[in-house]
């Protein structure tokens, strides 16, 4: 049951952030300086941006410590998912695969 929830969260964690990424690219192209400027434009958006950055670092530590402890393979895949989509995909995918291994 929990495995299915993790898979659903993987889908939501990919679709929802990318819906906004696609919107940005449609409006501005691949203007990375503008993208990062918008992320840190206000104290509120900076809060969320920094929260995601720190959460990503925590996720990487968790992936490598827990993954090695459980002898999981291909741990780099979850970091790539985190870098290409975000914590919203990397974390539930790692948890899904950890549950499958049990």
C-alpha atoms as a PDB file:
ATOM      1  CA  UNK A   1       0.000   0.000   0.000  1.00  0.00           C
ATOM      2  CA  UNK A   2       2.712   2.492   0.956  1.00  0.00           C
ATOM      3  CA  UNK A   3       4.639   1.596  -2.210  1.00  0.00           C
ATOM      4  CA  UNK A   4       1.703   2.756  -4.320  1.00  0.00           C
ATOM      5  CA  UNK A   5       1.588   6.013  -2.370  1.00  0.00           C
ATOM      6  CA  UNK A   6       5.296   6.601  -3.043  1.00  0.00           C
ATOM      7  CA  UNK A   7       4.720   6.001  -6.760  1.00  0.00           C
ATOM      8  CA  UNK A   8       1.814   8.445  -6.783  1.00  0.00           C
ATOM      9  CA  UNK A   9       4.011  11.002  -5.038  1.00  0.00           C
ATOM     10  CA  UNK A  10       6.716  10.444  -7.682  1.00  0.00           C
ATOM     11  CA  UNK A  11       4.204  11.309 -10.388  1.00  0.00           C
ATOM     12  CA  UNK A  12       2.876  14.363  -8.532  1.00  0.00           C
ATOM     13  CA  UNK A  13       6.413  15.388  -7.622  1.00  0.00           C
ATOM     14  CA  UNK A  14       7.337  15.429 -11.299  1.00  0.00           C
ATOM     15  CA  UNK A  15       4.172  16.788 -12.914  1.00  0.00           C
ATOM     16  CA  UNK A  16       3.501  19.685 -10.543  1.00  0.00           C
ATOM     17  CA  UNK A  17       6.993  21.274 -10.544  1.00  0.00           C
ATOM     18  CA  UNK A  18       7.478  20.695 -14.259  1.00  0.00           C
ATOM     19  CA  UNK A  19       4.144  22.363 -15.044  1.00  0.00           C
ATOM     20  CA  UNK A  20       5.690  25.574 -13.722  1.00  0.00           C
ATOM     21  CA  UNK A  21       9.072  24.927 -15.337  1.00  0.00           C
ATOM     22  CA  UNK A  22       7.422  24.480 -18.733  1.00  0.00           C
ATOM     23  CA  UNK A  23       5.453  27.679 -18.161  1.00  0.00           C
ATOM     24  CA  UNK A  24       8.680  29.565 -17.394  1.00  0.00           C
ATOM     25  CA  UNK A  25      10.472  28.158 -20.451  1.00  0.00           C
ATOM     26  CA  UNK A  26       7.494  28.994 -22.665  1.00  0.00           C
ATOM     27  CA  UNK A  27       7.479  32.599 -21.453  1.00  0.00           C
ATOM     28  CA  UNK A  28      11.231  33.253 -21.083  1.00  0.00           C
ATOM     29  CA  UNK A  29      13.161  30.459 -22.779  1.00  0.00           C
ATOM     30  CA  UNK A  30      16.149  28.932 -20.982  1.00  0.00           C
ATOM     31  CA  UNK A  31      17.074  32.202 -19.253  1.00  0.00           C
ATOM     32  CA  UNK A  32      18.823  30.733 -16.187  1.00  0.00           C
ATOM     33  CA  UNK A  33      19.926  34.091 -14.738  1.00  0.00           C
ATOM     34  CA  UNK A  34      16.288  35.247 -14.803  1.00  0.00           C
ATOM     35  CA  UNK A  35      15.146  31.926 -13.342  1.00  0.00           C
ATOM     36  CA  UNK A  36      17.487  32.225 -10.343  1.00  0.00           C
ATOM     37  CA  UNK A  37      16.783  35.940 -10.006  1.00  0.00           C
ATOM     38  CA  UNK A  38      13.068  35.151  -9.689  1.00  0.00           C
ATOM     39  CA  UNK A  39      13.701  32.422  -7.133  1.00  0.00           C
ATOM     40  CA  UNK A  40      15.563  34.839  -4.842  1.00  0.00           C
ATOM     41  CA  UNK A  41      13.618  37.995  -5.696  1.00  0.00           C
ATOM     42  CA  UNK A  42      11.624  38.259  -2.459  1.00  0.00           C
ATOM     43  CA  UNK A  43      12.196  37.087   1.109  1.00  0.00           C
ATOM     44  CA  UNK A  44       9.300  34.629   0.722  1.00  0.00           C
ATOM     45  CA  UNK A  45      10.610  33.078  -2.465  1.00  0.00           C
ATOM     46  CA  UNK A  46      14.153  33.048  -1.026  1.00  0.00           C
ATOM     47  CA  UNK A  47      12.811  31.115   1.963  1.00  0.00           C
ATOM     48  CA  UNK A  48      11.429  28.405  -0.332  1.00  0.00           C
ATOM     49  CA  UNK A  49      14.482  28.396  -2.587  1.00  0.00           C
ATOM     50  CA  UNK A  50      16.909  27.982   0.305  1.00  0.00           C
ATOM     51  CA  UNK A  51      14.639  25.394   1.931  1.00  0.00           C
ATOM     52  CA  UNK A  52      14.752  23.287  -1.237  1.00  0.00           C
ATOM     53  CA  UNK A  53      18.539  23.617  -1.541  1.00  0.00           C
ATOM     54  CA  UNK A  54      19.111  22.513   2.061  1.00  0.00           C
ATOM     55  CA  UNK A  55      16.505  19.742   1.712  1.00  0.00           C
ATOM     56  CA  UNK A  56      18.345  18.480  -1.358  1.00  0.00           C
ATOM     57  CA  UNK A  57      21.622  18.291   0.538  1.00  0.00           C
ATOM     58  CA  UNK A  58      19.923  16.440   3.394  1.00  0.00           C
ATOM     59  CA  UNK A  59      18.355  14.068   0.861  1.00  0.00           C
ATOM     60  CA  UNK A  60      21.761  13.261  -0.654  1.00  0.00           C
ATOM     61  CA  UNK A  61      23.177  12.431   2.785  1.00  0.00           C
ATOM     62  CA  UNK A  62      20.128  10.270   3.519  1.00  0.00           C
ATOM     63  CA  UNK A  63      20.335   8.505   0.145  1.00  0.00           C
ATOM     64  CA  UNK A  64      23.990   7.566   0.555  1.00  0.00           C
ATOM     65  CA  UNK A  65      23.897   6.625   4.244  1.00  0.00           C
ATOM     66  CA  UNK A  66      20.616   4.691   4.139  1.00  0.00           C
ATOM     67  CA  UNK A  67      21.296   3.279   0.681  1.00  0.00           C
ATOM     68  CA  UNK A  68      24.709   1.922   1.658  1.00  0.00           C
ATOM     69  CA  UNK A  69      23.351   0.576   4.925  1.00  0.00           C
ATOM     70  CA  UNK A  70      20.680  -1.337   3.000  1.00  0.00           C
ATOM     71  CA  UNK A  71      23.130  -2.239   0.219  1.00  0.00           C
ATOM     72  CA  UNK A  72      20.999  -0.568  -2.455  1.00  0.00           C
ATOM     73  CA  UNK A  73      22.479  -0.180  -5.930  1.00  0.00           C
ATOM     74  CA  UNK A  74      22.626   2.801  -8.297  1.00  0.00           C
ATOM     75  CA  UNK A  75      22.255   5.436  -5.589  1.00  0.00           C
ATOM     76  CA  UNK A  76      23.380   8.107  -8.059  1.00  0.00           C
ATOM     77  CA  UNK A  77      20.020   7.759  -9.871  1.00  0.00           C
ATOM     78  CA  UNK A  78      18.169   9.416  -6.978  1.00  0.00           C
ATOM     79  CA  UNK A  79      20.609  12.332  -6.940  1.00  0.00           C
ATOM     80  CA  UNK A  80      20.101  12.796 -10.681  1.00  0.00           C
ATOM     81  CA  UNK A  81      16.321  12.754 -10.132  1.00  0.00           C
ATOM     82  CA  UNK A  82      16.784  15.357  -7.408  1.00  0.00           C
ATOM     83  CA  UNK A  83      18.883  17.567  -9.688  1.00  0.00           C
ATOM     84  CA  UNK A  84      16.619  17.258 -12.738  1.00  0.00           C
ATOM     85  CA  UNK A  85      13.240  17.484 -10.992  1.00  0.00           C
ATOM     86  CA  UNK A  86      13.696  18.053  -7.279  1.00  0.00           C
ATOM     87  CA  UNK A  87      13.283  16.614  -3.833  1.00  0.00           C
ATOM     88  CA  UNK A  88       9.677  15.986  -4.859  1.00  0.00           C
ATOM     89  CA  UNK A  89      10.842  13.141  -7.113  1.00  0.00           C
ATOM     90  CA  UNK A  90      14.158  12.047  -5.597  1.00  0.00           C
ATOM     91  CA  UNK A  91      12.792  11.383  -2.109  1.00  0.00           C
ATOM     92  CA  UNK A  92       9.635   9.394  -2.938  1.00  0.00           C
ATOM     93  CA  UNK A  93      11.490   7.389  -5.604  1.00  0.00           C
ATOM     94  CA  UNK A  94      14.227   6.473  -3.119  1.00  0.00           C
ATOM     95  CA  UNK A  95      11.613   5.540  -0.499  1.00  0.00           C
ATOM     96  CA  UNK A  96       9.718   3.453  -3.075  1.00  0.00           C
ATOM     97  CA  UNK A  97      12.842   1.522  -4.018  1.00  0.00           C
ATOM     98  CA  UNK A  98      13.793   1.085  -0.367  1.00  0.00           C
ATOM     99  CA  UNK A  99      10.343  -0.405   0.334  1.00  0.00           C
ATOM    100  CA  UNK A 100      10.654  -2.722  -2.662  1.00  0.00           C
ATOM    101  CA  UNK A 101      13.966  -4.009  -1.355  1.00  0.00           C
ATOM    102  CA  UNK A 102      12.430  -4.904   2.005  1.00  0.00           C
END
